[in-house]
C-alpha atoms as a PDB file:
ATOM      1  CA  MET A   1       0.085  -0.037  -0.099  1.00  0.00           C
ATOM      2  CA  ILE A   2       1.411   3.361  -0.908  1.00  0.00           C
ATOM      3  CA  ALA A   3       1.191   6.262   1.902  1.00  0.00           C
ATOM      4  CA  PRO A   4      -0.650   8.875   0.630  1.00  0.00           C
ATOM      5  CA  GLN A   5       1.437  11.620   0.245  1.00  0.00           C
ATOM      6  CA  PRO A   6       1.458  15.269   2.547  1.00  0.00           C
ATOM      7  CA  ILE A   7      -0.301  17.959   2.037  1.00  0.00           C
ATOM      8  CA  THR A   8       1.586  20.701   0.641  1.00  0.00           C
ATOM      9  CA  ILE A   9       1.766  24.406   0.931  1.00  0.00           C
ATOM     10  CA  PRO A  10       0.851  24.816  -2.785  1.00  0.00           C
ATOM     11  CA  ASP A  11      -1.903  22.439  -2.196  1.00  0.00           C
ATOM     12  CA  ILE A  12      -3.150  24.344   0.474  1.00  0.00           C
ATOM     13  CA  VAL A  13      -2.911  27.431  -1.452  1.00  0.00           C
ATOM     14  CA  ASP A  14      -4.721  26.205  -4.279  1.00  0.00           C
ATOM     15  CA  ARG A  15      -7.675  25.136  -1.874  1.00  0.00           C
ATOM     16  CA  VAL A  16      -7.876  28.566   0.314  1.00  0.00           C
ATOM     17  CA  LYS A  17      -7.196  31.349  -2.463  1.00  0.00           C
ATOM     18  CA  PRO A  18     -10.707  30.903  -4.360  1.00  0.00           C
ATOM     19  CA  ALA A  19     -12.119  32.194  -1.091  1.00  0.00           C
ATOM     20  CA  VAL A  20      -9.652  35.005  -0.520  1.00  0.00           C
ATOM     21  CA  VAL A  21     -10.966  38.557  -2.026  1.00  0.00           C
ATOM     22  CA  GLY A  22      -9.954  41.388  -3.503  1.00  0.00           C
ATOM     23  CA  ILE A  23     -11.731  44.736  -1.910  1.00  0.00           C
ATOM     24  CA  LEU A  24     -11.572  48.110  -3.271  1.00  0.00           C
ATOM     25  CA  ILE A  25     -12.916  51.056  -1.484  1.00  0.00           C
ATOM     26  CA  LYS A  26     -13.930  54.554  -3.489  1.00  0.00           C
ATOM     27  CA  GLY A  27     -15.118  57.323  -0.600  1.00  0.00           C
ATOM     28  CA  THR A  28     -14.170  61.023  -0.288  1.00  0.00           C
ATOM     29  CA  GLN A  29     -11.912  62.445   1.699  1.00  0.00           C
ATOM     30  CA  LEU A  30     -10.903  66.330   3.050  1.00  0.00           C
ATOM     31  CA  ASN A  31      -7.465  67.773   0.941  1.00  0.00           C
ATOM     32  CA  MET A  32      -5.626  70.392   2.476  1.00  0.00           C
ATOM     33  CA  PHE A  33      -8.179  72.898   1.987  1.00  0.00           C
ATOM     34  CA  LEU A  34     -10.651  71.077   3.561  1.00  0.00           C
ATOM     35  CA  GLN A  35     -12.339  70.415   0.414  1.00  0.00           C
ATOM     36  CA  PRO A  36     -13.669  66.867  -0.603  1.00  0.00           C
ATOM     37  CA  VAL A  37     -11.656  64.848  -2.818  1.00  0.00           C
ATOM     38  CA  PRO A  38     -12.140  61.285  -4.282  1.00  0.00           C
ATOM     39  CA  SER A  39     -10.046  58.801  -2.476  1.00  0.00           C
ATOM     40  CA  ARG A  40      -9.504  55.322  -3.205  1.00  0.00           C
ATOM     41  CA  GLY A  41      -8.286  52.165  -1.189  1.00  0.00           C
ATOM     42  CA  VAL A  42      -7.558  48.454  -1.098  1.00  0.00           C
ATOM     43  CA  GLY A  43      -7.976  45.738   1.031  1.00  0.00           C
ATOM     44  CA  SER A  44      -8.772  42.130   1.460  1.00  0.00           C
ATOM     45  CA  GLY A  45     -11.438  40.087   2.882  1.00  0.00           C
ATOM     46  CA  VAL A  46     -12.015  35.876   3.409  1.00  0.00           C
ATOM     47  CA  ILE A  47     -15.403  34.669   2.338  1.00  0.00           C
ATOM     48  CA  ILE A  48     -17.011  32.833   5.401  1.00  0.00           C
ATOM     49  CA  THR A  49     -20.661  31.878   4.332  1.00  0.00           C
ATOM     50  CA  PRO A  50     -21.735  30.433   1.163  1.00  0.00           C
ATOM     51  CA  ASP A  51     -24.302  33.240   0.720  1.00  0.00           C
ATOM     52  CA  GLY A  52     -21.559  35.949   0.391  1.00  0.00           C
ATOM     53  CA  TYR A  53     -20.985  37.122   3.899  1.00  0.00           C
ATOM     54  CA  ILE A  54     -17.086  38.284   3.914  1.00  0.00           C
ATOM     55  CA  LEU A  55     -14.741  39.003   7.022  1.00  0.00           C
ATOM     56  CA  THR A  56     -12.571  42.111   6.861  1.00  0.00           C
ATOM     57  CA  ASN A  57     -10.839  44.819   9.014  1.00  0.00           C
ATOM     58  CA  ASP A  58     -12.917  47.574  10.009  1.00  0.00           C
ATOM     59  CA  HIS A  59     -10.158  50.287   8.937  1.00  0.00           C
ATOM     60  CA  VAL A  60     -10.514  48.992   5.635  1.00  0.00           C
ATOM     61  CA  VAL A  61     -14.371  50.068   4.823  1.00  0.00           C
ATOM     62  CA  GLU A  62     -14.955  52.604   7.900  1.00  0.00           C
ATOM     63  CA  ASP A  63     -14.783  55.499   5.147  1.00  0.00           C
ATOM     64  CA  ALA A  64     -16.401  53.268   2.339  1.00  0.00           C
ATOM     65  CA  GLN A  65     -19.220  54.661  -0.222  1.00  0.00           C
ATOM     66  CA  ASP A  66     -18.634  52.415  -3.157  1.00  0.00           C
ATOM     67  CA  ILE A  67     -17.355  48.601  -2.137  1.00  0.00           C
ATOM     68  CA  THR A  68     -16.336  46.456  -4.904  1.00  0.00           C
ATOM     69  CA  VAL A  69     -15.427  42.908  -4.452  1.00  0.00           C
ATOM     70  CA  ASP A  70     -12.837  40.932  -6.692  1.00  0.00           C
ATOM     71  CA  LEU A  71     -13.113  37.375  -6.850  1.00  0.00           C
ATOM     72  CA  PRO A  72      -9.868  35.560  -8.225  1.00  0.00           C
ATOM     73  CA  ARG A  73      -9.839  32.994 -10.963  1.00  0.00           C
ATOM     74  CA  SER A  74     -10.384  29.622  -9.739  1.00  0.00           C
ATOM     75  CA  HIS A  75     -12.679  26.641 -10.942  1.00  0.00           C
ATOM     76  CA  TYR A  76     -15.731  28.433  -9.322  1.00  0.00           C
ATOM     77  CA  PHE A  77     -15.268  31.370 -11.551  1.00  0.00           C
ATOM     78  CA  PRO A  78     -12.798  30.996 -14.181  1.00  0.00           C
ATOM     79  CA  GLN A  79     -12.827  34.327 -15.580  1.00  0.00           C
ATOM     80  CA  GLY A  80     -12.711  35.776 -12.147  1.00  0.00           C
ATOM     81  CA  ALA A  81     -15.941  37.344 -10.888  1.00  0.00           C
ATOM     82  CA  THR A  82     -16.809  41.066  -9.350  1.00  0.00           C
ATOM     83  CA  PHE A  83     -19.370  41.856  -7.207  1.00  0.00           C
ATOM     84  CA  GLU A  84     -20.921  44.982  -5.509  1.00  0.00           C
ATOM     85  CA  GLY A  85     -20.519  44.871  -1.609  1.00  0.00           C
ATOM     86  CA  ARG A  86     -22.203  46.543   1.245  1.00  0.00           C
ATOM     87  CA  VAL A  87     -20.755  46.515   4.856  1.00  0.00           C
ATOM     88  CA  VAL A  88     -23.542  45.051   7.180  1.00  0.00           C
ATOM     89  CA  GLY A  89     -21.545  45.366  10.526  1.00  0.00           C
ATOM     90  CA  ARG A  90     -18.381  47.101  11.978  1.00  0.00           C
ATOM     91  CA  ASP A  91     -16.482  46.917  14.999  1.00  0.00           C
ATOM     92  CA  PRO A  92     -13.766  49.574  15.544  1.00  0.00           C
ATOM     93  CA  LEU A  93     -13.049  47.924  18.879  1.00  0.00           C
ATOM     94  CA  THR A  94     -11.604  44.692  17.614  1.00  0.00           C
ATOM     95  CA  ASP A  95     -11.118  46.429  13.810  1.00  0.00           C
ATOM     96  CA  LEU A  96     -13.472  43.672  12.085  1.00  0.00           C
ATOM     97  CA  ALA A  97     -16.001  44.080   9.833  1.00  0.00           C
ATOM     98  CA  ILE A  98     -18.273  42.177   7.881  1.00  0.00           C
ATOM     99  CA  VAL A  99     -19.072  42.883   4.002  1.00  0.00           C
ATOM    100  CA  LYS A 100     -22.296  41.262   2.336  1.00  0.00           C
ATOM    101  CA  VAL A 101     -22.134  40.351  -1.530  1.00  0.00           C
ATOM    102  CA  ASP A 102     -25.395  39.163  -3.236  1.00  0.00           C
ATOM    103  CA  ALA A 103     -24.254  35.773  -4.316  1.00  0.00           C
ATOM    104  CA  GLN A 104     -24.598  31.983  -3.724  1.00  0.00           C
ATOM    105  CA  ASP A 105     -22.503  28.879  -3.700  1.00  0.00           C
ATOM    106  CA  LEU A 106     -19.052  30.893  -2.871  1.00  0.00           C
ATOM    107  CA  PRO A 107     -16.116  28.889  -1.550  1.00  0.00           C
ATOM    108  CA  VAL A 108     -15.252  29.477   1.953  1.00  0.00           C
ATOM    109  CA  ILE A 109     -12.493  28.687   4.549  1.00  0.00           C
ATOM    110  CA  PRO A 110     -13.229  27.455   7.903  1.00  0.00           C
ATOM    111  CA  ILE A 111     -12.537  29.237  11.162  1.00  0.00           C
ATOM    112  CA  GLY A 112      -9.652  27.358  13.146  1.00  0.00           C
ATOM    113  CA  ASP A 113      -8.263  27.778  16.647  1.00  0.00           C
ATOM    114  CA  THR A 114      -5.822  30.584  17.396  1.00  0.00           C
ATOM    115  CA  GLY A 115      -5.509  28.516  20.784  1.00  0.00           C
ATOM    116  CA  LYS A 116      -4.102  25.632  19.380  1.00  0.00           C
ATOM    117  CA  LEU A 117      -1.376  27.565  17.690  1.00  0.00           C
ATOM    118  CA  ARG A 118       2.434  27.527  18.913  1.00  0.00           C
ATOM    119  CA  VAL A 119       5.214  29.888  18.471  1.00  0.00           C
ATOM    120  CA  GLY A 120       7.312  28.828  15.776  1.00  0.00           C
ATOM    121  CA  GLU A 121       4.532  26.959  13.587  1.00  0.00           C
ATOM    122  CA  TRP A 122       4.433  28.047  10.097  1.00  0.00           C
ATOM    123  CA  VAL A 123       1.669  29.872   8.514  1.00  0.00           C
ATOM    124  CA  ILE A 124       0.608  31.542   5.542  1.00  0.00           C
ATOM    125  CA  ALA A 125      -0.764  35.169   4.890  1.00  0.00           C
ATOM    126  CA  ILE A 126      -2.985  35.767   1.663  1.00  0.00           C
ATOM    127  CA  GLY A 127      -4.417  39.167   0.608  1.00  0.00           C
ATOM    128  CA  ASN A 128      -4.617  41.736  -1.880  1.00  0.00           C
ATOM    129  CA  ALA A 129      -0.942  43.222  -1.174  1.00  0.00           C
ATOM    130  CA  GLN A 130      -0.730  46.687  -2.877  1.00  0.00           C
ATOM    131  CA  GLY A 131      -3.620  45.758  -5.128  1.00  0.00           C
ATOM    132  CA  LEU A 132      -1.544  44.101  -7.496  1.00  0.00           C
ATOM    133  CA  PRO A 133      -3.585  42.628 -10.395  1.00  0.00           C
ATOM    134  CA  GLY A 134      -3.960  39.006 -10.904  1.00  0.00           C
ATOM    135  CA  GLY A 135      -5.346  37.492  -7.649  1.00  0.00           C
ATOM    136  CA  PRO A 136      -4.097  37.097  -4.008  1.00  0.00           C
ATOM    137  CA  THR A 137      -0.530  37.459  -2.957  1.00  0.00           C
ATOM    138  CA  VAL A 138       0.845  34.377  -1.031  1.00  0.00           C
ATOM    139  CA  THR A 139       3.457  34.842   1.698  1.00  0.00           C
ATOM    140  CA  LEU A 140       4.851  32.467   4.090  1.00  0.00           C
ATOM    141  CA  GLY A 141       6.479  32.948   7.686  1.00  0.00           C
ATOM    142  CA  ILE A 142       5.985  31.266  11.279  1.00  0.00           C
ATOM    143  CA  VAL A 143       4.023  32.372  14.447  1.00  0.00           C
ATOM    144  CA  SER A 144       6.552  34.680  16.512  1.00  0.00           C
ATOM    145  CA  ALA A 145       4.350  35.788  19.397  1.00  0.00           C
ATOM    146  CA  MET A 146       1.067  35.099  20.755  1.00  0.00           C
ATOM    147  CA  GLY A 147      -1.265  37.451  22.801  1.00  0.00           C
ATOM    148  CA  ARG A 148       0.282  41.039  21.703  1.00  0.00           C
ATOM    149  CA  SER A 149      -1.435  44.195  22.276  1.00  0.00           C
ATOM    150  CA  VAL A 150      -0.839  46.844  19.547  1.00  0.00           C
ATOM    151  CA  GLU A 151      -2.192  50.573  19.475  1.00  0.00           C
ATOM    152  CA  THR A 152      -3.376  51.094  16.053  1.00  0.00           C
ATOM    153  CA  GLY A 153      -2.416  54.488  14.074  1.00  0.00           C
ATOM    154  CA  ASP A 154      -4.104  57.492  14.737  1.00  0.00           C
ATOM    155  CA  ARG A 155      -7.694  55.920  16.140  1.00  0.00           C
ATOM    156  CA  GLY A 156      -6.066  55.129  19.406  1.00  0.00           C
ATOM    157  CA  ILE A 157      -7.702  52.334  19.880  1.00  0.00           C
ATOM    158  CA  THR A 158      -5.168  49.020  21.572  1.00  0.00           C
ATOM    159  CA  LEU A 159      -6.014  45.614  19.829  1.00  0.00           C
ATOM    160  CA  HIS A 160      -5.233  42.977  22.281  1.00  0.00           C
ATOM    161  CA  ASP A 161      -4.681  39.169  21.723  1.00  0.00           C
ATOM    162  CA  LEU A 162      -2.898  39.341  18.388  1.00  0.00           C
ATOM    163  CA  VAL A 163      -0.713  36.773  16.887  1.00  0.00           C
ATOM    164  CA  GLN A 164       2.794  38.046  15.671  1.00  0.00           C
ATOM    165  CA  THR A 165       3.969  36.738  12.269  1.00  0.00           C
ATOM    166  CA  ASP A 166       7.041  37.396  10.171  1.00  0.00           C
ATOM    167  CA  ALA A 167       5.397  36.197   7.080  1.00  0.00           C
ATOM    168  CA  ALA A 168       5.023  39.291   4.895  1.00  0.00           C
ATOM    169  CA  ILE A 169       2.100  41.474   5.220  1.00  0.00           C
ATOM    170  CA  ASN A 170       1.886  44.623   3.076  1.00  0.00           C
ATOM    171  CA  PRO A 171      -0.792  47.271   2.455  1.00  0.00           C
ATOM    172  CA  GLY A 172      -3.652  45.901   0.824  1.00  0.00           C
ATOM    173  CA  ASN A 173      -3.083  42.581   2.823  1.00  0.00           C
ATOM    174  CA  SER A 174      -5.701  44.183   5.953  1.00  0.00           C
ATOM    175  CA  GLY A 175      -8.584  41.788   6.218  1.00  0.00           C
ATOM    176  CA  GLY A 176      -7.080  38.983   4.604  1.00  0.00           C
ATOM    177  CA  PRO A 177      -6.303  35.366   6.285  1.00  0.00           C
ATOM    178  CA  LEU A 178      -3.387  34.207   8.411  1.00  0.00           C
ATOM    179  CA  LEU A 179      -3.768  30.185   7.638  1.00  0.00           C
ATOM    180  CA  ASN A 180      -2.343  27.244   9.772  1.00  0.00           C
ATOM    181  CA  LEU A 181      -1.275  24.066   7.272  1.00  0.00           C
ATOM    182  CA  ALA A 182      -4.420  22.461   7.832  1.00  0.00           C
ATOM    183  CA  GLY A 183      -5.924  25.274   5.547  1.00  0.00           C
ATOM    184  CA  LYS A 184      -8.231  27.150   8.609  1.00  0.00           C
ATOM    185  CA  VAL A 185      -7.943  30.963   9.286  1.00  0.00           C
ATOM    186  CA  VAL A 186      -6.329  31.623  12.726  1.00  0.00           C
ATOM    187  CA  GLY A 187      -6.028  35.293  12.049  1.00  0.00           C
ATOM    188  CA  ILE A 188      -7.090  38.021  10.415  1.00  0.00           C
ATOM    189  CA  ASN A 189      -4.057  40.358   9.169  1.00  0.00           C
ATOM    190  CA  THR A 190      -4.359  43.789  10.567  1.00  0.00           C
ATOM    191  CA  ALA A 191      -1.312  45.416  11.014  1.00  0.00           C
ATOM    192  CA  ILE A 192       2.352  46.264  10.569  1.00  0.00           C
ATOM    193  CA  ILE A 193       4.975  48.122  12.393  1.00  0.00           C
ATOM    194  CA  ARG A 194       6.539  50.216   9.767  1.00  0.00           C
ATOM    195  CA  GLY A 195      10.390  50.507   9.706  1.00  0.00           C
ATOM    196  CA  ALA A 196      10.668  46.841  11.548  1.00  0.00           C
ATOM    197  CA  GLN A 197      11.984  43.788   9.759  1.00  0.00           C
ATOM    198  CA  SER A 198       9.094  41.455   9.272  1.00  0.00           C
ATOM    199  CA  ILE A 199       6.727  42.309  12.382  1.00  0.00           C
ATOM    200  CA  GLY A 200       3.106  41.828  11.305  1.00  0.00           C
ATOM    201  CA  PHE A 201       0.128  40.854  13.359  1.00  0.00           C
ATOM    202  CA  SER A 202      -3.384  39.355  12.862  1.00  0.00           C
ATOM    203  CA  ILE A 203      -6.440  39.255  14.890  1.00  0.00           C
ATOM    204  CA  SER A 204      -7.405  35.851  16.959  1.00  0.00           C
ATOM    205  CA  THR A 205     -10.199  33.459  16.051  1.00  0.00           C
ATOM    206  CA  ALA A 206     -11.137  33.716  19.662  1.00  0.00           C
ATOM    207  CA  THR A 207     -11.999  37.642  18.764  1.00  0.00           C
ATOM    208  CA  VAL A 208     -13.564  36.872  15.609  1.00  0.00           C
ATOM    209  CA  ASN A 209     -15.802  34.473  16.984  1.00  0.00           C
ATOM    210  CA  ALA A 210     -16.794  36.430  19.709  1.00  0.00           C
ATOM    211  CA  VAL A 211     -17.975  39.248  17.540  1.00  0.00           C
ATOM    212  CA  MET A 212     -18.872  37.526  14.291  1.00  0.00           C
ATOM    213  CA  GLU A 213     -22.345  36.774  14.778  1.00  0.00           C
ATOM    214  CA  ASP A 214     -23.300  39.934  16.461  1.00  0.00           C
ATOM    215  CA  LEU A 215     -21.839  41.879  13.134  1.00  0.00           C
ATOM    216  CA  ILE A 216     -24.091  40.056  11.083  1.00  0.00           C
ATOM    217  CA  GLN A 217     -27.040  39.540  13.085  1.00  0.00           C
ATOM    218  CA  VAL A 218     -27.529  43.399  14.588  1.00  0.00           C
ATOM    219  CA  GLY A 219     -24.667  45.151  12.422  1.00  0.00           C
ATOM    220  CA  LYS A 220     -22.493  46.017  15.574  1.00  0.00           C
ATOM    221  CA  VAL A 221     -21.335  44.677  18.995  1.00  0.00           C
ATOM    222  CA  LYS A 222     -22.702  45.600  22.070  1.00  0.00           C
ATOM    223  CA  TRP A 223     -19.816  46.291  24.199  1.00  0.00           C
ATOM    224  CA  PRO A 224     -19.776  46.788  28.157  1.00  0.00           C
ATOM    225  CA  TRP A 225     -19.184  50.068  29.690  1.00  0.00           C
ATOM    226  CA  LEU A 226     -18.543  51.401  32.746  1.00  0.00           C
ATOM    227  CA  GLY A 227     -17.960  54.917  32.197  1.00  0.00           C
ATOM    228  CA  VAL A 228     -14.851  55.146  33.858  1.00  0.00           C
ATOM    229  CA  ARG A 229     -11.413  56.488  33.205  1.00  0.00           C
ATOM    230  CA  ILE A 230      -8.598  53.825  34.228  1.00  0.00           C
ATOM    231  CA  THR A 231      -5.006  52.945  34.358  1.00  0.00           C
ATOM    232  CA  THR A 232      -2.561  50.255  35.368  1.00  0.00           C
ATOM    233  CA  LEU A 233      -1.388  50.614  39.031  1.00  0.00           C
ATOM    234  CA  THR A 234       2.285  49.981  39.099  1.00  0.00           C
ATOM    235  CA  PRO A 235       4.320  49.419  42.657  1.00  0.00           C
ATOM    236  CA  ALA A 236       5.994  53.057  41.613  1.00  0.00           C
ATOM    237  CA  LEU A 237       2.440  54.609  41.459  1.00  0.00           C
ATOM    238  CA  SER A 238       1.299  53.005  44.588  1.00  0.00           C
ATOM    239  CA  ARG A 239       4.156  54.167  46.650  1.00  0.00           C
ATOM    240  CA  GLU A 240       4.028  57.903  45.458  1.00  0.00           C
ATOM    241  CA  ARG A 241       0.357  58.091  46.398  1.00  0.00           C
ATOM    242  CA  GLY A 242       0.674  55.683  49.147  1.00  0.00           C
ATOM    243  CA  TYR A 243      -2.128  53.093  48.271  1.00  0.00           C
ATOM    244  CA  ALA A 244      -2.393  49.837  50.032  1.00  0.00           C
ATOM    245  CA  VAL A 245      -2.090  47.785  47.075  1.00  0.00           C
ATOM    246  CA  GLU A 246       0.684  47.834  44.650  1.00  0.00           C
ATOM    247  CA  GLN A 247      -1.273  46.276  41.318  1.00  0.00           C
ATOM    248  CA  GLY A 248      -4.806  46.653  40.234  1.00  0.00           C
ATOM    249  CA  VAL A 249      -6.730  48.793  37.610  1.00  0.00           C
ATOM    250  CA  LEU A 250      -6.880  52.281  39.522  1.00  0.00           C
ATOM    251  CA  ILE A 251     -10.218  54.625  38.493  1.00  0.00           C
ATOM    252  CA  ILE A 252      -8.703  58.107  37.420  1.00  0.00           C
ATOM    253  CA  GLU A 253     -12.428  59.226  36.874  1.00  0.00           C
ATOM    254  CA  VAL A 254     -15.995  58.111  37.025  1.00  0.00           C
ATOM    255  CA  MET A 255     -18.163  60.112  35.067  1.00  0.00           C
ATOM    256  CA  PRO A 256     -21.784  61.296  35.945  1.00  0.00           C
ATOM    257  CA  ASP A 257     -24.764  59.159  35.361  1.00  0.00           C
ATOM    258  CA  VAL A 258     -23.256  55.996  34.057  1.00  0.00           C
ATOM    259  CA  PRO A 259     -23.309  52.398  35.074  1.00  0.00           C
ATOM    260  CA  ALA A 260     -19.779  52.913  37.518  1.00  0.00           C
ATOM    261  CA  ALA A 261     -21.409  56.259  39.424  1.00  0.00           C
ATOM    262  CA  ARG A 262     -24.782  54.416  39.784  1.00  0.00           C
ATOM    263  CA  ALA A 263     -23.132  51.112  41.385  1.00  0.00           C
ATOM    264  CA  GLY A 264     -21.360  53.407  43.800  1.00  0.00           C
ATOM    265  CA  LEU A 265     -17.751  53.339  42.167  1.00  0.00           C
ATOM    266  CA  ARG A 266     -15.754  56.306  43.036  1.00  0.00           C
ATOM    267  CA  ASP A 267     -12.598  58.341  41.748  1.00  0.00           C
ATOM    268  CA  SER A 268      -9.095  56.447  43.273  1.00  0.00           C
ATOM    269  CA  ASP A 269     -10.994  52.884  43.473  1.00  0.00           C
ATOM    270  CA  ILE A 270      -8.518  49.853  42.864  1.00  0.00           C
ATOM    271  CA  MET A 271     -10.305  47.372  40.812  1.00  0.00           C
ATOM    272  CA  VAL A 272      -8.529  43.637  41.885  1.00  0.00           C
ATOM    273  CA  SER A 273     -11.019  41.408  40.663  1.00  0.00           C
ATOM    274  CA  LEU A 274     -13.673  40.870  37.948  1.00  0.00           C
ATOM    275  CA  ASN A 275     -15.813  37.793  39.247  1.00  0.00           C
ATOM    276  CA  GLY A 276     -13.385  36.561  41.613  1.00  0.00           C
ATOM    277  CA  GLU A 277     -10.739  36.753  38.672  1.00  0.00           C
ATOM    278  CA  SER A 278      -7.670  38.831  39.372  1.00  0.00           C
ATOM    279  CA  THR A 279      -7.075  42.142  37.289  1.00  0.00           C
ATOM    280  CA  PRO A 280      -3.526  43.193  37.998  1.00  0.00           C
ATOM    281  CA  ASP A 281      -3.686  45.512  35.151  1.00  0.00           C
ATOM    282  CA  LEU A 282      -5.492  47.506  32.510  1.00  0.00           C
ATOM    283  CA  GLU A 283      -4.583  44.854  29.647  1.00  0.00           C
ATOM    284  CA  THR A 284      -6.025  42.133  31.775  1.00  0.00           C
ATOM    285  CA  PHE A 285      -9.015  43.814  32.801  1.00  0.00           C
ATOM    286  CA  GLN A 286      -9.958  44.613  28.972  1.00  0.00           C
ATOM    287  CA  ARG A 287      -9.774  41.476  28.060  1.00  0.00           C
ATOM    288  CA  MET A 288     -11.416  39.915  30.752  1.00  0.00           C
ATOM    289  CA  ILE A 289     -14.438  42.781  30.488  1.00  0.00           C
ATOM    290  CA  ARG A 290     -14.925  42.154  26.602  1.00  0.00           C
ATOM    291  CA  LEU A 291     -16.396  38.464  27.414  1.00  0.00           C
ATOM    292  CA  TYR A 292     -19.205  40.030  29.122  1.00  0.00           C
ATOM    293  CA  ARG A 293     -22.087  42.526  26.860  1.00  0.00           C
ATOM    294  CA  ALA A 294     -24.227  45.077  27.999  1.00  0.00           C
ATOM    295  CA  GLY A 295     -26.607  44.265  30.299  1.00  0.00           C
ATOM    296  CA  ASP A 296     -24.755  41.665  32.021  1.00  0.00           C
ATOM    297  CA  THR A 297     -24.096  41.829  35.995  1.00  0.00           C
ATOM    298  CA  VAL A 298     -20.366  41.693  37.270  1.00  0.00           C
ATOM    299  CA  GLU A 299     -19.031  41.937  40.840  1.00  0.00           C
ATOM    300  CA  LEU A 300     -15.892  44.075  41.246  1.00  0.00           C
ATOM    301  CA  SER A 301     -13.730  43.927  44.119  1.00  0.00           C
ATOM    302  CA  VAL A 302     -12.398  47.357  44.766  1.00  0.00           C
ATOM    303  CA  VAL A 303      -9.616  48.696  47.724  1.00  0.00           C
ATOM    304  CA  ARG A 304     -10.915  52.113  48.860  1.00  0.00           C
ATOM    305  CA  ASP A 305      -9.228  53.396  51.927  1.00  0.00           C
ATOM    306  CA  SER A 306      -7.394  50.252  52.226  1.00  0.00           C
ATOM    307  CA  LYS A 307     -10.163  48.200  52.660  1.00  0.00           C
ATOM    308  CA  GLU A 308     -11.304  45.909  50.102  1.00  0.00           C
ATOM    309  CA  VAL A 309     -15.168  46.398  49.044  1.00  0.00           C
ATOM    310  CA  LYS A 310     -17.684  44.197  46.671  1.00  0.00           C
ATOM    311  CA  ILE A 311     -19.692  46.154  44.324  1.00  0.00           C
ATOM    312  CA  SER A 312     -22.214  44.705  41.977  1.00  0.00           C
ATOM    313  CA  ILE A 313     -22.703  46.563  38.728  1.00  0.00           C
ATOM    314  CA  THR A 314     -24.949  46.494  35.631  1.00  0.00           C
ATOM    315  CA  LEU A 315     -22.950  46.743  32.568  1.00  0.00           C
ATOM    316  CA  GLY A 316     -24.103  49.769  30.406  1.00  0.00           C
ATOM    317  CA  GLU A 317     -23.534  49.533  26.141  1.00  0.00           C
ATOM    318  CA  MET A 318     -20.265  51.263  25.174  1.00  0.00           C
ATOM    319  CA  PRO A 319     -21.534  54.236  23.177  1.00  0.00           C
ATOM    320  CA  PRO A 320     -20.269  55.062  19.459  1.00  0.00           C
ATOM    321  CA  LEU A 321     -16.285  55.415  19.482  1.00  0.00           C
ATOM    322  CA  PHE A 322     -16.796  56.882  15.951  1.00  0.00           C
END
């Protein structure tokens, strides 16, 4: 009996490339004289349902007035295909969006589990790099790190739980898939560090799975909201201000008439746990709170005047960021 040949990278590319689309954006921007001028942009997307739902980045489509979706040549579309797209859901907080095209029986790529990735594992990036004609660009690399957090550009949003890879990611790749050697999506390519060598980032499938259905069904994600300005309490800051604990999440300001104020949280309270799980820093707290939705009730443990106080709070809905 002849042993089956292993699946090669070209095999994987042949299988998934039909479901990687190019996205052309037409919009309007203001010039230096504050006059509206036409603008164009390119990005990528991955088809996730046969009836035309496409996963991409929010920053790809945020200013879109017209969206054109290009499917590459394949046995599905021997001459390629072009569709008009429309945005059905956006979430700036995770930089994810859903575009819909009117089509049926489209090829799809299954969503894998980023949590099973290991640093050093081979991954493949596919996307509409630089908007080059002739179909998507394929690059190969490894998982360089897991669980990265990166602040994105001038939007002031920090993306969490990112996969870092050295697979080449270029302008136009945004919204395209990062794939494992099983041909499953393990990330959505979103950002690079300009001037660095081979440092790119992809949004994890844990994040994708947390928001995808809301974006398709509702058009947005009802993220929880306390209504506070917060920062990480460091040992140095604790010593400077004479706090009783050296780590936690310090409340700088409680806004008026918000869930935090109604629950009794105060300026200078230090949040040390959420539903019994430690919150040693701002990043951990933000990652934990995003597991909940507006309307959920949670219990916070806060240190106030050297005493620990438990406060039950019903989370509100985060107001629009943009």
